[in-house]
């Protein structure tokens, strides 16, 4: 499932980053860089598509955070078990 979640999140992250850089740092007007915000928010999908895109993007990010935290906590748990086992020997 991660490959399906990765691309929309990656596009949102890049377009949001470039929008801010171009607008706030390089001084482009809002109208000049609005196409980046359209990509970022999924406006190009229409009203219903935009809503679905934002909801799925948010759920995908939450899912990636939860599964990432689970993998991290398992690694910590494994490291503690290995360390305790080595100190007994």
PDB file of N, CA and C in Angstrom:
ATOM      1  N   UNK A   1       0.818  -1.197   0.000  1.00  0.00           N
ATOM      2  CA  UNK A   1       0.000   0.000   0.000  1.00  0.00           C
ATOM      3  C   UNK A   1       0.865   1.267   0.000  1.00  0.00           C
ATOM      4  N   UNK A   2       2.055   1.161   0.544  1.00  0.00           N
ATOM      5  CA  UNK A   2       2.936   2.332   0.641  1.00  0.00           C
ATOM      6  C   UNK A   2       3.232   2.987  -0.714  1.00  0.00           C
ATOM      7  N   UNK A   3       3.456   2.227  -1.791  1.00  0.00           N
ATOM      8  CA  UNK A   3       3.710   2.907  -3.077  1.00  0.00           C
ATOM      9  C   UNK A   3       2.541   3.773  -3.545  1.00  0.00           C
ATOM     10  N   UNK A   4       1.305   3.371  -3.235  1.00  0.00           N
ATOM     11  CA  UNK A   4       0.135   4.154  -3.634  1.00  0.00           C
ATOM     12  C   UNK A   4       0.009   5.413  -2.797  1.00  0.00           C
ATOM     13  N   UNK A   5       0.467   5.362  -1.565  1.00  0.00           N
ATOM     14  CA  UNK A   5       0.389   6.504  -0.663  1.00  0.00           C
ATOM     15  C   UNK A   5       1.567   7.449  -0.906  1.00  0.00           C
ATOM     16  N   UNK A   6       2.709   6.882  -1.288  1.00  0.00           N
ATOM     17  CA  UNK A   6       3.929   7.667  -1.439  1.00  0.00           C
ATOM     18  C   UNK A   6       3.795   8.783  -2.478  1.00  0.00           C
ATOM     19  N   UNK A   7       3.335   8.473  -3.663  1.00  0.00           N
ATOM     20  CA  UNK A   7       3.325   9.459  -4.753  1.00  0.00           C
ATOM     21  C   UNK A   7       2.471  10.695  -4.436  1.00  0.00           C
ATOM     22  N   UNK A   8       1.219  10.545  -3.985  1.00  0.00           N
ATOM     23  CA  UNK A   8       0.453  11.753  -3.642  1.00  0.00           C
ATOM     24  C   UNK A   8       1.089  12.565  -2.509  1.00  0.00           C
ATOM     25  N   UNK A   9       1.627  11.887  -1.494  1.00  0.00           N
ATOM     26  CA  UNK A   9       2.267  12.605  -0.395  1.00  0.00           C
ATOM     27  C   UNK A   9       3.526  13.315  -0.864  1.00  0.00           C
ATOM     28  N   UNK A  10       4.283  12.660  -1.730  1.00  0.00           N
ATOM     29  CA  UNK A  10       5.498  13.249  -2.280  1.00  0.00           C
ATOM     30  C   UNK A  10       5.169  14.482  -3.119  1.00  0.00           C
ATOM     31  N   UNK A  11       4.151  14.378  -3.953  1.00  0.00           N
ATOM     32  CA  UNK A  11       3.724  15.515  -4.779  1.00  0.00           C
ATOM     33  C   UNK A  11       3.270  16.673  -3.889  1.00  0.00           C
ATOM     34  N   UNK A  12       2.486  16.375  -2.852  1.00  0.00           N
ATOM     35  CA  UNK A  12       2.014  17.428  -1.941  1.00  0.00           C
ATOM     36  C   UNK A  12       3.171  18.096  -1.218  1.00  0.00           C
ATOM     37  N   UNK A  13       4.120  17.295  -0.766  1.00  0.00           N
ATOM     38  CA  UNK A  13       5.272  17.861  -0.050  1.00  0.00           C
ATOM     39  C   UNK A  13       6.101  18.757  -0.974  1.00  0.00           C
ATOM     40  N   UNK A  14       6.398  18.279  -2.170  1.00  0.00           N
ATOM     41  CA  UNK A  14       7.209  19.070  -3.103  1.00  0.00           C
ATOM     42  C   UNK A  14       6.515  20.345  -3.552  1.00  0.00           C
ATOM     43  N   UNK A  15       5.244  20.239  -3.911  1.00  0.00           N
ATOM     44  CA  UNK A  15       4.540  21.421  -4.400  1.00  0.00           C
ATOM     45  C   UNK A  15       4.348  22.442  -3.288  1.00  0.00           C
ATOM     46  N   UNK A  16       4.084  21.986  -2.066  1.00  0.00           N
ATOM     47  CA  UNK A  16       3.964  22.910  -0.936  1.00  0.00           C
ATOM     48  C   UNK A  16       5.284  23.606  -0.648  1.00  0.00           C
ATOM     49  N   UNK A  17       6.365  22.847  -0.691  1.00  0.00           N
ATOM     50  CA  UNK A  17       7.698  23.414  -0.454  1.00  0.00           C
ATOM     51  C   UNK A  17       8.063  24.438  -1.524  1.00  0.00           C
ATOM     52  N   UNK A  18       7.908  24.061  -2.798  1.00  0.00           N
ATOM     53  CA  UNK A  18       8.269  24.975  -3.884  1.00  0.00           C
ATOM     54  C   UNK A  18       7.372  26.206  -3.924  1.00  0.00           C
ATOM     55  N   UNK A  19       6.093  26.032  -3.568  1.00  0.00           N
ATOM     56  CA  UNK A  19       5.186  27.181  -3.509  1.00  0.00           C
ATOM     57  C   UNK A  19       5.717  28.214  -2.518  1.00  0.00           C
ATOM     58  N   UNK A  20       6.062  27.766  -1.325  1.00  0.00           N
ATOM     59  CA  UNK A  20       6.568  28.684  -0.293  1.00  0.00           C
ATOM     60  C   UNK A  20       7.898  29.310  -0.689  1.00  0.00           C
ATOM     61  N   UNK A  21       8.789  28.529  -1.258  1.00  0.00           N
ATOM     62  CA  UNK A  21      10.092  29.066  -1.673  1.00  0.00           C
ATOM     63  C   UNK A  21       9.913  30.124  -2.747  1.00  0.00           C
ATOM     64  N   UNK A  22       9.141  29.790  -3.778  1.00  0.00           N
ATOM     65  CA  UNK A  22       8.955  30.730  -4.889  1.00  0.00           C
ATOM     66  C   UNK A  22       8.208  31.987  -4.444  1.00  0.00           C
ATOM     67  N   UNK A  23       7.171  31.816  -3.633  1.00  0.00           N
ATOM     68  CA  UNK A  23       6.351  32.959  -3.232  1.00  0.00           C
ATOM     69  C   UNK A  23       7.032  33.809  -2.154  1.00  0.00           C
ATOM     70  N   UNK A  24       7.484  33.182  -1.100  1.00  0.00           N
ATOM     71  CA  UNK A  24       7.974  33.944   0.052  1.00  0.00           C
ATOM     72  C   UNK A  24       9.446  34.338  -0.042  1.00  0.00           C
ATOM     73  N   UNK A  25      10.258  33.486  -0.620  1.00  0.00           N
ATOM     74  CA  UNK A  25      11.696  33.782  -0.666  1.00  0.00           C
ATOM     75  C   UNK A  25      12.090  34.463  -1.978  1.00  0.00           C
ATOM     76  N   UNK A  26      11.575  33.943  -3.088  1.00  0.00           N
ATOM     77  CA  UNK A  26      11.970  34.496  -4.386  1.00  0.00           C
ATOM     78  C   UNK A  26      11.042  35.600  -4.887  1.00  0.00           C
ATOM     79  N   UNK A  27       9.957  35.856  -4.170  1.00  0.00           N
ATOM     80  CA  UNK A  27       9.106  37.006  -4.467  1.00  0.00           C
ATOM     81  C   UNK A  27       8.123  36.860  -5.608  1.00  0.00           C
ATOM     82  N   UNK A  28       7.809  35.634  -6.033  1.00  0.00           N
ATOM     83  CA  UNK A  28       6.802  35.463  -7.078  1.00  0.00           C
ATOM     84  C   UNK A  28       5.436  35.817  -6.498  1.00  0.00           C
ATOM     85  N   UNK A  29       4.533  36.285  -7.359  1.00  0.00           N
ATOM     86  CA  UNK A  29       3.188  36.622  -6.887  1.00  0.00           C
ATOM     87  C   UNK A  29       2.368  35.338  -6.724  1.00  0.00           C
ATOM     88  N   UNK A  30       1.287  35.469  -5.977  1.00  0.00           N
ATOM     89  CA  UNK A  30       0.409  34.322  -5.742  1.00  0.00           C
ATOM     90  C   UNK A  30      -0.139  33.766  -7.057  1.00  0.00           C
ATOM     91  N   UNK A  31      -0.461  34.653  -7.980  1.00  0.00           N
ATOM     92  CA  UNK A  31      -1.012  34.224  -9.267  1.00  0.00           C
ATOM     93  C   UNK A  31       0.019  33.457 -10.092  1.00  0.00           C
ATOM     94  N   UNK A  32       1.283  33.834  -9.977  1.00  0.00           N
ATOM     95  CA  UNK A  32       2.340  33.171 -10.756  1.00  0.00           C
ATOM     96  C   UNK A  32       2.601  31.744 -10.293  1.00  0.00           C
ATOM     97  N   UNK A  33       2.371  31.472  -9.032  1.00  0.00           N
ATOM     98  CA  UNK A  33       2.667  30.136  -8.511  1.00  0.00           C
ATOM     99  C   UNK A  33       1.417  29.375  -8.061  1.00  0.00           C
ATOM    100  N   UNK A  34       0.244  29.883  -8.440  1.00  0.00           N
ATOM    101  CA  UNK A  34      -0.998  29.224  -8.045  1.00  0.00           C
ATOM    102  C   UNK A  34      -1.097  27.808  -8.617  1.00  0.00           C
ATOM    103  N   UNK A  35      -0.474  27.560  -9.768  1.00  0.00           N
ATOM    104  CA  UNK A  35      -0.519  26.226 -10.361  1.00  0.00           C
ATOM    105  C   UNK A  35       0.096  25.189  -9.414  1.00  0.00           C
ATOM    106  N   UNK A  36       1.090  25.597  -8.623  1.00  0.00           N
ATOM    107  CA  UNK A  36       1.667  24.672  -7.645  1.00  0.00           C
ATOM    108  C   UNK A  36       0.659  24.351  -6.536  1.00  0.00           C
ATOM    109  N   UNK A  37      -0.069  25.354  -6.091  1.00  0.00           N
ATOM    110  CA  UNK A  37      -1.079  25.129  -5.057  1.00  0.00           C
ATOM    111  C   UNK A  37      -2.230  24.292  -5.609  1.00  0.00           C
ATOM    112  N   UNK A  38      -2.530  24.438  -6.887  1.00  0.00           N
ATOM    113  CA  UNK A  38      -3.569  23.605  -7.505  1.00  0.00           C
ATOM    114  C   UNK A  38      -3.157  22.141  -7.486  1.00  0.00           C
ATOM    115  N   UNK A  39      -1.906  21.872  -7.780  1.00  0.00           N
ATOM    116  CA  UNK A  39      -1.396  20.499  -7.689  1.00  0.00           C
ATOM    117  C   UNK A  39      -1.398  20.024  -6.245  1.00  0.00           C
ATOM    118  N   UNK A  40      -0.944  20.878  -5.354  1.00  0.00           N
ATOM    119  CA  UNK A  40      -0.821  20.547  -3.936  1.00  0.00           C
ATOM    120  C   UNK A  40      -2.157  20.145  -3.316  1.00  0.00           C
ATOM    121  N   UNK A  41      -3.191  20.860  -3.647  1.00  0.00           N
ATOM    122  CA  UNK A  41      -4.509  20.617  -3.057  1.00  0.00           C
ATOM    123  C   UNK A  41      -5.393  19.689  -3.883  1.00  0.00           C
ATOM    124  N   UNK A  42      -4.970  19.331  -5.076  1.00  0.00           N
ATOM    125  CA  UNK A  42      -5.773  18.464  -5.930  1.00  0.00           C
ATOM    126  C   UNK A  42      -6.905  19.174  -6.635  1.00  0.00           C
ATOM    127  N   UNK A  43      -6.794  20.498  -6.804  1.00  0.00           N
ATOM    128  CA  UNK A  43      -7.850  21.281  -7.476  1.00  0.00           C
ATOM    129  C   UNK A  43      -8.141  20.773  -8.884  1.00  0.00           C
ATOM    130  N   UNK A  44      -7.129  20.249  -9.536  1.00  0.00           N
ATOM    131  CA  UNK A  44      -7.255  19.779 -10.912  1.00  0.00           C
ATOM    132  C   UNK A  44      -8.204  18.586 -11.025  1.00  0.00           C
ATOM    133  N   UNK A  45      -8.626  18.009  -9.899  1.00  0.00           N
ATOM    134  CA  UNK A  45      -9.544  16.875  -9.908  1.00  0.00           C
ATOM    135  C   UNK A  45     -11.010  17.304  -9.814  1.00  0.00           C
ATOM    136  N   UNK A  46     -11.268  18.600  -9.700  1.00  0.00           N
ATOM    137  CA  UNK A  46     -12.634  19.095  -9.535  1.00  0.00           C
ATOM    138  C   UNK A  46     -13.008  19.131  -8.065  1.00  0.00           C
ATOM    139  N   UNK A  47     -14.195  19.638  -7.765  1.00  0.00           N
ATOM    140  CA  UNK A  47     -14.609  19.814  -6.370  1.00  0.00           C
ATOM    141  C   UNK A  47     -14.649  18.499  -5.595  1.00  0.00           C
ATOM    142  N   UNK A  48     -15.336  17.495  -6.136  1.00  0.00           N
ATOM    143  CA  UNK A  48     -15.426  16.211  -5.438  1.00  0.00           C
ATOM    144  C   UNK A  48     -14.078  15.507  -5.393  1.00  0.00           C
ATOM    145  N   UNK A  49     -13.352  15.562  -6.486  1.00  0.00           N
ATOM    146  CA  UNK A  49     -12.032  14.921  -6.538  1.00  0.00           C
ATOM    147  C   UNK A  49     -11.049  15.554  -5.576  1.00  0.00           C
ATOM    148  N   UNK A  50     -11.133  16.871  -5.437  1.00  0.00           N
ATOM    149  CA  UNK A  50     -10.250  17.585  -4.510  1.00  0.00           C
ATOM    150  C   UNK A  50     -10.493  17.125  -3.075  1.00  0.00           C
ATOM    151  N   UNK A  51     -11.760  17.015  -2.712  1.00  0.00           N
ATOM    152  CA  UNK A  51     -12.107  16.564  -1.367  1.00  0.00           C
ATOM    153  C   UNK A  51     -11.605  15.143  -1.122  1.00  0.00           C
ATOM    154  N   UNK A  52     -11.830  14.264  -2.076  1.00  0.00           N
ATOM    155  CA  UNK A  52     -11.380  12.873  -1.950  1.00  0.00           C
ATOM    156  C   UNK A  52      -9.860  12.815  -1.872  1.00  0.00           C
ATOM    157  N   UNK A  53      -9.175  13.597  -2.702  1.00  0.00           N
ATOM    158  CA  UNK A  53      -7.710  13.633  -2.716  1.00  0.00           C
ATOM    159  C   UNK A  53      -7.160  14.067  -1.362  1.00  0.00           C
ATOM    160  N   UNK A  54      -7.724  15.112  -0.792  1.00  0.00           N
ATOM    161  CA  UNK A  54      -7.253  15.617   0.502  1.00  0.00           C
ATOM    162  C   UNK A  54      -7.523  14.598   1.610  1.00  0.00           C
ATOM    163  N   UNK A  55      -8.704  13.997   1.606  1.00  0.00           N
ATOM    164  CA  UNK A  55      -9.043  13.008   2.632  1.00  0.00           C
ATOM    165  C   UNK A  55      -8.127  11.794   2.521  1.00  0.00           C
ATOM    166  N   UNK A  56      -7.960  11.266   1.315  1.00  0.00           N
ATOM    167  CA  UNK A  56      -7.102  10.087   1.144  1.00  0.00           C
ATOM    168  C   UNK A  56      -5.643  10.404   1.446  1.00  0.00           C
ATOM    169  N   UNK A  57      -5.206  11.591   1.079  1.00  0.00           N
ATOM    170  CA  UNK A  57      -3.840  12.003   1.390  1.00  0.00           C
ATOM    171  C   UNK A  57      -3.630  12.062   2.903  1.00  0.00           C
ATOM    172  N   UNK A  58      -4.592  12.621   3.611  1.00  0.00           N
ATOM    173  CA  UNK A  58      -4.512  12.711   5.071  1.00  0.00           C
ATOM    174  C   UNK A  58      -4.534  11.333   5.710  1.00  0.00           C
ATOM    175  N   UNK A  59      -5.442  10.476   5.279  1.00  0.00           N
ATOM    176  CA  UNK A  59      -5.501   9.117   5.816  1.00  0.00           C
ATOM    177  C   UNK A  59      -4.225   8.341   5.504  1.00  0.00           C
ATOM    178  N   UNK A  60      -3.684   8.544   4.307  1.00  0.00           N
ATOM    179  CA  UNK A  60      -2.431   7.887   3.940  1.00  0.00           C
ATOM    180  C   UNK A  60      -1.281   8.325   4.823  1.00  0.00           C
ATOM    181  N   UNK A  61      -1.211   9.608   5.113  1.00  0.00           N
ATOM    182  CA  UNK A  61      -0.155  10.117   5.986  1.00  0.00           C
ATOM    183  C   UNK A  61      -0.304   9.560   7.400  1.00  0.00           C
ATOM    184  N   UNK A  62      -1.524   9.536   7.910  1.00  0.00           N
ATOM    185  CA  UNK A  62      -1.767   8.983   9.246  1.00  0.00           C
ATOM    186  C   UNK A  62      -1.380   7.504   9.273  1.00  0.00           C
ATOM    187  N   UNK A  63      -1.751   6.766   8.244  1.00  0.00           N
ATOM    188  CA  UNK A  63      -1.418   5.346   8.150  1.00  0.00           C
ATOM    189  C   UNK A  63       0.101   5.141   8.125  1.00  0.00           C
ATOM    190  N   UNK A  64       0.803   5.954   7.338  1.00  0.00           N
ATOM    191  CA  UNK A  64       2.268   5.835   7.269  1.00  0.00           C
ATOM    192  C   UNK A  64       2.901   6.158   8.625  1.00  0.00           C
ATOM    193  N   UNK A  65       2.385   7.161   9.330  1.00  0.00           N
ATOM    194  CA  UNK A  65       2.910   7.500  10.651  1.00  0.00           C
ATOM    195  C   UNK A  65       2.690   6.366  11.648  1.00  0.00           C
ATOM    196  N   UNK A  66       1.507   5.778  11.640  1.00  0.00           N
ATOM    197  CA  UNK A  66       1.205   4.685  12.576  1.00  0.00           C
ATOM    198  C   UNK A  66       2.075   3.474  12.288  1.00  0.00           C
ATOM    199  N   UNK A  67       2.144   3.059  11.030  1.00  0.00           N
ATOM    200  CA  UNK A  67       2.946   1.883  10.708  1.00  0.00           C
ATOM    201  C   UNK A  67       4.435   2.151  10.923  1.00  0.00           C
ATOM    202  N   UNK A  68       4.873   3.352  10.649  1.00  0.00           N
ATOM    203  CA  UNK A  68       6.270   3.704  10.911  1.00  0.00           C
ATOM    204  C   UNK A  68       6.595   3.660  12.389  1.00  0.00           C
ATOM    205  N   UNK A  69       5.676   4.164  13.208  1.00  0.00           N
ATOM    206  CA  UNK A  69       5.873   4.113  14.660  1.00  0.00           C
ATOM    207  C   UNK A  69       5.890   2.669  15.146  1.00  0.00           C
ATOM    208  N   UNK A  70       5.030   1.822  14.593  1.00  0.00           N
ATOM    209  CA  UNK A  70       5.015   0.413  14.981  1.00  0.00           C
ATOM    210  C   UNK A  70       6.339  -0.263  14.641  1.00  0.00           C
ATOM    211  N   UNK A  71       6.871   0.007  13.456  1.00  0.00           N
ATOM    212  CA  UNK A  71       8.162  -0.577  13.082  1.00  0.00           C
ATOM    213  C   UNK A  71       9.273  -0.069  13.993  1.00  0.00           C
ATOM    214  N   UNK A  72       9.243   1.201  14.328  1.00  0.00           N
ATOM    215  CA  UNK A  72      10.249   1.792  15.206  1.00  0.00           C
ATOM    216  C   UNK A  72      10.178   1.181  16.603  1.00  0.00           C
ATOM    217  N   UNK A  73       8.964   1.013  17.132  1.00  0.00           N
ATOM    218  CA  UNK A  73       8.823   0.452  18.475  1.00  0.00           C
ATOM    219  C   UNK A  73       9.255  -1.013  18.506  1.00  0.00           C
ATOM    220  N   UNK A  74       9.009  -1.764  17.430  1.00  0.00           N
ATOM    221  CA  UNK A  74       9.475  -3.154  17.363  1.00  0.00           C
ATOM    222  C   UNK A  74      10.992  -3.210  17.345  1.00  0.00           C
ATOM    223  N   UNK A  75      11.616  -2.276  16.646  1.00  0.00           N
ATOM    224  CA  UNK A  75      13.075  -2.231  16.595  1.00  0.00           C
ATOM    225  C   UNK A  75      13.640  -1.921  17.978  1.00  0.00           C
ATOM    226  N   UNK A  76      13.032  -0.976  18.685  1.00  0.00           N
ATOM    227  CA  UNK A  76      13.474  -0.658  20.043  1.00  0.00           C
ATOM    228  C   UNK A  76      13.316  -1.866  20.958  1.00  0.00           C
ATOM    229  N   UNK A  77      12.203  -2.555  20.849  1.00  0.00           N
ATOM    230  CA  UNK A  77      11.939  -3.728  21.667  1.00  0.00           C
ATOM    231  C   UNK A  77      12.966  -4.821  21.374  1.00  0.00           C
ATOM    232  N   UNK A  78      13.266  -5.043  20.112  1.00  0.00           N
ATOM    233  CA  UNK A  78      14.250  -6.043  19.712  1.00  0.00           C
ATOM    234  C   UNK A  78      15.633  -5.671  20.231  1.00  0.00           C
ATOM    235  N   UNK A  79      15.999  -4.405  20.136  1.00  0.00           N
ATOM    236  CA  UNK A  79      17.304  -3.940  20.609  1.00  0.00           C
ATOM    237  C   UNK A  79      17.443  -4.160  22.112  1.00  0.00           C
ATOM    238  N   UNK A  80      16.388  -3.894  22.870  1.00  0.00           N
ATOM    239  CA  UNK A  80      16.419  -4.108  24.319  1.00  0.00           C
ATOM    240  C   UNK A  80      16.594  -5.589  24.655  1.00  0.00           C
ATOM    241  N   UNK A  81      15.896  -6.470  23.910  1.00  0.00           N
ATOM    242  CA  UNK A  81      16.004  -7.909  24.149  1.00  0.00           C
ATOM    243  C   UNK A  81      17.406  -8.407  23.843  1.00  0.00           C
ATOM    244  N   UNK A  82      17.995  -7.950  22.739  1.00  0.00           N
ATOM    245  CA  UNK A  82      19.339  -8.365  22.362  1.00  0.00           C
ATOM    246  C   UNK A  82      20.348  -7.868  23.389  1.00  0.00           C
ATOM    247  N   UNK A  83      20.217  -6.637  23.835  1.00  0.00           N
ATOM    248  CA  UNK A  83      21.129  -6.072  24.805  1.00  0.00           C
ATOM    249  C   UNK A  83      21.045  -6.823  26.143  1.00  0.00           C
ATOM    250  N   UNK A  84      19.842  -7.168  26.596  1.00  0.00           N
ATOM    251  CA  UNK A  84      19.683  -7.906  27.853  1.00  0.00           C
ATOM    252  C   UNK A  84      20.272  -9.300  27.723  1.00  0.00           C
ATOM    253  N   UNK A  85      20.090  -9.943  26.592  1.00  0.00           N
ATOM    254  CA  UNK A  85      20.625 -11.278  26.364  1.00  0.00           C
ATOM    255  C   UNK A  85      22.133 -11.302  26.354  1.00  0.00           C
ATOM    256  N   UNK A  86      22.777 -10.263  25.815  1.00  0.00           N
ATOM    257  CA  UNK A  86      24.237 -10.199  25.748  1.00  0.00           C
ATOM    258  C   UNK A  86      24.847  -9.944  27.115  1.00  0.00           C
ATOM    259  N   UNK A  87      24.179  -9.195  27.968  1.00  0.00           N
ATOM    260  CA  UNK A  87      24.749  -8.853  29.272  1.00  0.00           C
ATOM    261  C   UNK A  87      24.716 -10.058  30.226  1.00  0.00           C
ATOM    262  N   UNK A  88      23.846 -11.029  29.989  1.00  0.00           N
ATOM    263  CA  UNK A  88      23.767 -12.218  30.839  1.00  0.00           C
ATOM    264  C   UNK A  88      24.906 -13.179  30.554  1.00  0.00           C
ATOM    265  N   UNK A  89      25.402 -13.191  29.343  1.00  0.00           N
ATOM    266  CA  UNK A  89      26.403 -14.167  28.919  1.00  0.00           C
ATOM    267  C   UNK A  89      27.725 -13.834  29.373  1.00  0.00           C
TER     268      UNK A  89
END
